[in-house]
Amino acid sequence: MTNEELVQAGLKSMDETDHAIEHSKQTEQMGRIVNDLDAIHFSIKKVSKLVKEIERQVATDKCIMLFIFLIVSGVIAIIIMKIAHPENKYIRDIPGLAPPVPSARRLLYVRSGELFS
């Protein structure tokens, strides 16, 4: 081989080596990208589970708030009904609430022989 052929063979060998190095760098980058994607996928799964748990807690809190609202509304309605209609016998007396003021009634006595006086 002549010197020129040797130089050409060396340059060709260097080009192939450079190409192989670039290919290995791209392969390494692809591996890192795949690892990053796996980490992102795992993080998304964890966040998804966390969001579902938060949704469950919010739904539970809303149910509890609804029940508390219904109970308070019921108590207020009973107090208003007792104040508005104190003679209603179907509503029990509420402890701590003043008893209803008796209405002024006039009792008529019927004596024997008298109808009304």
N, C-alpha and C. Protein backbone atom coordinates (compact mmCIF):
# COMPACT_ATOMS: atom_id res chain seq x y z
N MET A 1 0.85 -1.17 0.00
CA MET A 1 0.00 0.00 0.00
C MET A 1 0.90 1.24 0.00
N THR A 2 0.42 2.15 -0.71
CA THR A 2 1.15 3.39 -0.77
C THR A 2 0.74 4.27 0.41
N ASN A 3 1.48 5.31 0.58
CA ASN A 3 1.19 6.22 1.69
C ASN A 3 -0.20 6.84 1.54
N GLU A 4 -0.56 7.16 0.31
CA GLU A 4 -1.86 7.76 0.08
C GLU A 4 -2.98 6.79 0.41
N GLU A 5 -2.81 5.57 0.07
CA GLU A 5 -3.83 4.56 0.38
C GLU A 5 -3.94 4.36 1.89
N LEU A 6 -2.76 4.38 2.53
CA LEU A 6 -2.77 4.26 3.98
C LEU A 6 -3.49 5.45 4.63
N VAL A 7 -3.24 6.66 4.10
CA VAL A 7 -3.89 7.85 4.63
C VAL A 7 -5.40 7.75 4.41
N GLN A 8 -5.79 7.32 3.20
CA GLN A 8 -7.21 7.19 2.90
C GLN A 8 -7.86 6.13 3.80
N ALA A 9 -7.17 5.02 4.00
CA ALA A 9 -7.70 3.96 4.87
C ALA A 9 -7.80 4.47 6.30
N GLY A 10 -6.82 5.26 6.74
CA GLY A 10 -6.87 5.83 8.09
C GLY A 10 -8.01 6.82 8.25
N LEU A 11 -8.19 7.68 7.24
CA LEU A 11 -9.30 8.63 7.29
C LEU A 11 -10.64 7.91 7.31
N LYS A 12 -10.75 6.85 6.49
CA LYS A 12 -11.99 6.08 6.45
C LYS A 12 -12.24 5.44 7.81
N SER A 13 -11.19 4.90 8.39
CA SER A 13 -11.31 4.28 9.72
C SER A 13 -11.71 5.32 10.77
N MET A 14 -11.16 6.53 10.68
CA MET A 14 -11.51 7.59 11.61
C MET A 14 -12.98 8.02 11.43
N ASP A 15 -13.42 8.09 10.17
CA ASP A 15 -14.82 8.45 9.91
C ASP A 15 -15.76 7.40 10.50
N GLU A 16 -15.41 6.15 10.30
CA GLU A 16 -16.24 5.07 10.86
C GLU A 16 -16.26 5.13 12.38
N THR A 17 -15.12 5.43 12.96
CA THR A 17 -15.04 5.54 14.42
C THR A 17 -15.87 6.72 14.92
N ASP A 18 -15.76 7.85 14.22
CA ASP A 18 -16.57 9.01 14.60
C ASP A 18 -18.06 8.69 14.47
N HIS A 19 -18.43 8.00 13.41
CA HIS A 19 -19.84 7.62 13.22
C HIS A 19 -20.29 6.68 14.34
N ALA A 20 -19.44 5.75 14.71
CA ALA A 20 -19.78 4.81 15.79
C ALA A 20 -19.92 5.55 17.12
N ILE A 21 -19.03 6.53 17.36
CA ILE A 21 -19.10 7.31 18.60
C ILE A 21 -20.40 8.12 18.63
N GLU A 22 -20.75 8.78 17.51
CA GLU A 22 -22.00 9.55 17.45
C GLU A 22 -23.20 8.63 17.67
N HIS A 23 -23.14 7.45 17.07
CA HIS A 23 -24.25 6.49 17.23
C HIS A 23 -24.36 6.05 18.69
N SER A 24 -23.24 5.81 19.34
CA SER A 24 -23.28 5.39 20.75
C SER A 24 -23.78 6.54 21.64
N LYS A 25 -23.40 7.80 21.29
CA LYS A 25 -23.90 8.94 22.05
C LYS A 25 -25.41 9.05 21.91
N GLN A 26 -25.92 8.87 20.68
CA GLN A 26 -27.38 8.93 20.46
C GLN A 26 -28.07 7.80 21.20
N THR A 27 -27.46 6.62 21.22
CA THR A 27 -28.05 5.48 21.94
C THR A 27 -28.09 5.78 23.43
N GLU A 28 -27.02 6.37 23.94
CA GLU A 28 -26.97 6.73 25.36
C GLU A 28 -28.03 7.79 25.68
N GLN A 29 -28.18 8.78 24.81
CA GLN A 29 -29.20 9.80 25.00
C GLN A 29 -30.60 9.18 24.98
N MET A 30 -30.80 8.25 24.06
CA MET A 30 -32.09 7.57 23.98
C MET A 30 -32.37 6.80 25.27
N GLY A 31 -31.34 6.16 25.81
CA GLY A 31 -31.50 5.44 27.08
C GLY A 31 -31.87 6.37 28.21
N ARG A 32 -31.21 7.54 28.27
CA ARG A 32 -31.54 8.52 29.30
C ARG A 32 -32.96 9.05 29.13
N ILE A 33 -33.35 9.27 27.88
CA ILE A 33 -34.71 9.76 27.61
C ILE A 33 -35.74 8.72 28.06
N VAL A 34 -35.47 7.44 27.77
CA VAL A 34 -36.39 6.37 28.19
C VAL A 34 -36.47 6.32 29.72
N ASN A 35 -35.33 6.45 30.40
CA ASN A 35 -35.34 6.46 31.87
C ASN A 35 -36.13 7.65 32.41
N ASP A 36 -35.93 8.83 31.78
CA ASP A 36 -36.69 10.01 32.20
C ASP A 36 -38.18 9.81 31.99
N LEU A 37 -38.56 9.22 30.87
CA LEU A 37 -39.97 8.96 30.60
C LEU A 37 -40.56 7.98 31.61
N ASP A 38 -39.78 6.98 31.98
CA ASP A 38 -40.25 6.04 33.01
C ASP A 38 -40.46 6.75 34.35
N ALA A 39 -39.53 7.64 34.69
CA ALA A 39 -39.67 8.39 35.95
C ALA A 39 -40.89 9.30 35.90
N ILE A 40 -41.13 9.94 34.76
CA ILE A 40 -42.30 10.80 34.61
C ILE A 40 -43.58 9.98 34.71
N HIS A 41 -43.59 8.82 34.08
CA HIS A 41 -44.77 7.95 34.12
C HIS A 41 -45.06 7.52 35.57
N PHE A 42 -44.01 7.16 36.30
CA PHE A 42 -44.18 6.77 37.70
C PHE A 42 -44.72 7.95 38.53
N SER A 43 -44.19 9.15 38.27
CA SER A 43 -44.67 10.34 39.00
C SER A 43 -46.13 10.62 38.68
N ILE A 44 -46.51 10.45 37.43
CA ILE A 44 -47.91 10.67 37.05
C ILE A 44 -48.82 9.69 37.75
N LYS A 45 -48.40 8.44 37.88
CA LYS A 45 -49.21 7.45 38.61
C LYS A 45 -49.38 7.85 40.07
N LYS A 46 -48.28 8.30 40.70
CA LYS A 46 -48.36 8.71 42.10
C LYS A 46 -49.27 9.92 42.27
N VAL A 47 -49.15 10.89 41.38
CA VAL A 47 -49.99 12.08 41.45
C VAL A 47 -51.45 11.72 41.22
N SER A 48 -51.69 10.79 40.31
CA SER A 48 -53.07 10.36 40.04
C SER A 48 -53.69 9.73 41.28
N LYS A 49 -52.94 8.88 41.96
CA LYS A 49 -53.45 8.28 43.20
C LYS A 49 -53.70 9.34 44.26
N LEU A 50 -52.80 10.31 44.36
CA LEU A 50 -52.95 11.39 45.34
C LEU A 50 -54.19 12.23 45.04
N VAL A 51 -54.43 12.53 43.77
CA VAL A 51 -55.61 13.32 43.39
C VAL A 51 -56.88 12.55 43.73
N LYS A 52 -56.90 11.24 43.48
CA LYS A 52 -58.08 10.43 43.81
C LYS A 52 -58.33 10.44 45.31
N GLU A 53 -57.28 10.36 46.10
CA GLU A 53 -57.42 10.39 47.55
C GLU A 53 -57.97 11.75 48.01
N ILE A 54 -57.46 12.82 47.42
CA ILE A 54 -57.96 14.16 47.77
C ILE A 54 -59.42 14.30 47.38
N GLU A 55 -59.80 13.77 46.20
CA GLU A 55 -61.20 13.82 45.77
C GLU A 55 -62.09 13.08 46.77
N ARG A 56 -61.62 11.93 47.24
CA ARG A 56 -62.39 11.16 48.22
C ARG A 56 -62.57 11.96 49.51
N GLN A 57 -61.51 12.60 49.97
CA GLN A 57 -61.59 13.38 51.20
C GLN A 57 -62.52 14.58 51.03
N VAL A 58 -62.47 15.23 49.87
CA VAL A 58 -63.35 16.37 49.62
C VAL A 58 -64.81 15.91 49.58
N ALA A 59 -65.06 14.77 48.94
CA ALA A 59 -66.43 14.25 48.89
C ALA A 59 -66.93 13.92 50.29
N THR A 60 -66.07 13.33 51.10
CA THR A 60 -66.45 13.02 52.48
C THR A 60 -66.74 14.31 53.25
N ASP A 61 -65.88 15.31 53.08
CA ASP A 61 -66.09 16.60 53.77
C ASP A 61 -67.40 17.24 53.33
N LYS A 62 -67.71 17.15 52.04
CA LYS A 62 -68.96 17.73 51.55
C LYS A 62 -70.17 17.01 52.14
N CYS A 63 -70.09 15.68 52.26
CA CYS A 63 -71.20 14.92 52.87
C CYS A 63 -71.38 15.31 54.33
N ILE A 64 -70.28 15.43 55.05
CA ILE A 64 -70.36 15.82 56.46
C ILE A 64 -70.96 17.23 56.59
N MET A 65 -70.52 18.14 55.74
CA MET A 65 -71.06 19.50 55.77
C MET A 65 -72.55 19.51 55.44
N LEU A 66 -72.98 18.66 54.51
CA LEU A 66 -74.40 18.58 54.16
C LEU A 66 -75.21 18.09 55.35
N PHE A 67 -74.73 17.04 56.03
CA PHE A 67 -75.44 16.53 57.20
C PHE A 67 -75.50 17.57 58.32
N ILE A 68 -74.42 18.27 58.55
CA ILE A 68 -74.42 19.32 59.58
C ILE A 68 -75.42 20.42 59.20
N PHE A 69 -75.44 20.81 57.93
CA PHE A 69 -76.38 21.82 57.48
C PHE A 69 -77.83 21.36 57.69
N LEU A 70 -78.11 20.09 57.35
CA LEU A 70 -79.47 19.57 57.54
C LEU A 70 -79.87 19.56 59.01
N ILE A 71 -78.94 19.14 59.87
CA ILE A 71 -79.25 19.09 61.31
C ILE A 71 -79.50 20.50 61.85
N VAL A 72 -78.62 21.45 61.51
CA VAL A 72 -78.79 22.83 61.98
C VAL A 72 -80.09 23.42 61.44
N SER A 73 -80.38 23.17 60.17
CA SER A 73 -81.63 23.68 59.58
C SER A 73 -82.84 23.09 60.30
N GLY A 74 -82.78 21.80 60.61
CA GLY A 74 -83.88 21.16 61.33
C GLY A 74 -84.09 21.75 62.70
N VAL A 75 -83.00 21.97 63.42
CA VAL A 75 -83.10 22.55 64.77
C VAL A 75 -83.68 23.96 64.69
N ILE A 76 -83.21 24.75 63.73
CA ILE A 76 -83.73 26.11 63.57
C ILE A 76 -85.22 26.07 63.21
N ALA A 77 -85.60 25.15 62.33
CA ALA A 77 -87.01 25.04 61.94
C ALA A 77 -87.87 24.66 63.15
N ILE A 78 -87.39 23.74 63.98
CA ILE A 78 -88.16 23.35 65.17
C ILE A 78 -88.30 24.52 66.13
N ILE A 79 -87.23 25.27 66.34
CA ILE A 79 -87.30 26.44 67.24
C ILE A 79 -88.28 27.46 66.70
N ILE A 80 -88.21 27.74 65.40
CA ILE A 80 -89.14 28.71 64.81
C ILE A 80 -90.58 28.23 64.93
N MET A 81 -90.81 26.95 64.68
CA MET A 81 -92.17 26.41 64.78
C MET A 81 -92.68 26.49 66.22
N LYS A 82 -91.82 26.22 67.18
CA LYS A 82 -92.24 26.25 68.58
C LYS A 82 -92.54 27.69 69.02
N ILE A 83 -91.75 28.63 68.53
CA ILE A 83 -92.00 30.03 68.87
C ILE A 83 -93.26 30.54 68.16
N ALA A 84 -93.43 30.17 66.90
CA ALA A 84 -94.56 30.66 66.13
C ALA A 84 -95.88 30.01 66.56
N HIS A 85 -95.84 28.75 66.92
CA HIS A 85 -97.05 28.02 67.33
C HIS A 85 -96.80 27.31 68.66
N PRO A 86 -96.81 28.05 69.75
CA PRO A 86 -96.47 27.45 71.04
C PRO A 86 -97.51 26.43 71.52
N GLU A 87 -98.71 26.49 71.01
CA GLU A 87 -99.74 25.55 71.48
C GLU A 87 -99.69 24.22 70.73
N ASN A 88 -98.82 24.08 69.76
CA ASN A 88 -98.73 22.84 69.00
C ASN A 88 -98.19 21.74 69.90
N LYS A 89 -98.99 20.71 70.11
CA LYS A 89 -98.62 19.62 71.02
C LYS A 89 -97.69 18.60 70.36
N TYR A 90 -97.55 18.66 69.04
CA TYR A 90 -96.71 17.69 68.35
C TYR A 90 -95.24 18.05 68.40
N ILE A 91 -94.94 19.28 68.79
CA ILE A 91 -93.56 19.71 68.93
C ILE A 91 -93.23 19.71 70.41
N ARG A 92 -92.24 18.93 70.78
CA ARG A 92 -91.86 18.84 72.19
C ARG A 92 -91.25 20.15 72.66
N ASP A 93 -91.34 20.38 73.98
CA ASP A 93 -90.72 21.58 74.54
C ASP A 93 -89.21 21.49 74.37
N ILE A 94 -88.61 22.61 74.07
CA ILE A 94 -87.17 22.67 73.86
C ILE A 94 -86.53 23.14 75.16
N PRO A 95 -85.59 22.36 75.70
CA PRO A 95 -84.93 22.78 76.94
C PRO A 95 -84.22 24.11 76.74
N GLY A 96 -84.40 25.00 77.70
CA GLY A 96 -83.76 26.31 77.62
C GLY A 96 -84.62 27.35 76.96
N LEU A 97 -85.67 26.93 76.27
CA LEU A 97 -86.57 27.88 75.63
C LEU A 97 -87.70 28.18 76.60
N ALA A 98 -88.06 29.41 76.72
CA ALA A 98 -89.11 29.81 77.67
C ALA A 98 -90.41 29.08 77.33
N PRO A 99 -91.13 28.64 78.36
CA PRO A 99 -92.40 27.96 78.08
C PRO A 99 -93.38 28.94 77.47
N PRO A 100 -94.33 28.42 76.70
CA PRO A 100 -95.28 29.31 76.05
C PRO A 100 -96.15 30.02 77.09
N VAL A 101 -96.50 31.24 76.77
CA VAL A 101 -97.34 32.04 77.65
C VAL A 101 -98.77 31.55 77.48
N PRO A 102 -99.42 31.20 78.60
CA PRO A 102 -100.79 30.71 78.45
C PRO A 102 -101.70 31.82 77.95
N SER A 103 -102.57 31.45 77.04
CA SER A 103 -103.49 32.45 76.51
C SER A 103 -104.59 32.71 77.55
N ALA A 104 -105.11 33.90 77.51
CA ALA A 104 -106.15 34.28 78.48
C ALA A 104 -107.44 33.53 78.13
N ARG A 105 -107.83 32.62 78.99
CA ARG A 105 -109.06 31.86 78.78
C ARG A 105 -110.06 32.22 79.86
N ARG A 106 -111.25 32.25 79.45
CA ARG A 106 -112.30 32.54 80.41
C ARG A 106 -113.12 31.28 80.58
N LEU A 107 -113.09 30.80 81.77
CA LEU A 107 -113.84 29.58 82.04
C LEU A 107 -115.27 29.94 82.43
N LEU A 108 -116.17 29.24 81.86
CA LEU A 108 -117.58 29.45 82.16
C LEU A 108 -118.05 28.31 83.05
N TYR A 109 -118.60 28.69 84.14
CA TYR A 109 -119.14 27.68 85.03
C TYR A 109 -120.65 27.61 84.81
N VAL A 110 -121.12 26.45 84.78
CA VAL A 110 -122.57 26.30 84.66
C VAL A 110 -123.08 25.79 86.00
N ARG A 111 -123.88 26.62 86.62
CA ARG A 111 -124.47 26.21 87.86
C ARG A 111 -125.79 25.54 87.55
N SER A 112 -126.22 24.80 88.42
CA SER A 112 -127.48 24.13 88.17
C SER A 112 -128.58 25.16 88.05
N GLY A 113 -129.25 25.09 86.96
CA GLY A 113 -130.35 25.99 86.71
C GLY A 113 -129.92 27.23 85.91
N GLU A 114 -128.62 27.56 85.87
CA GLU A 114 -128.19 28.71 85.08
C GLU A 114 -127.47 28.20 83.84
N LEU A 115 -127.73 28.83 82.74
CA LEU A 115 -127.04 28.43 81.53
C LEU A 115 -125.69 29.13 81.42
N PHE A 116 -125.72 30.42 81.34
CA PHE A 116 -124.46 31.18 81.25
C PHE A 116 -124.58 32.42 82.11
N SER A 117 -123.52 32.80 82.69
CA SER A 117 -123.57 34.04 83.46
C SER A 117 -122.62 35.04 82.93
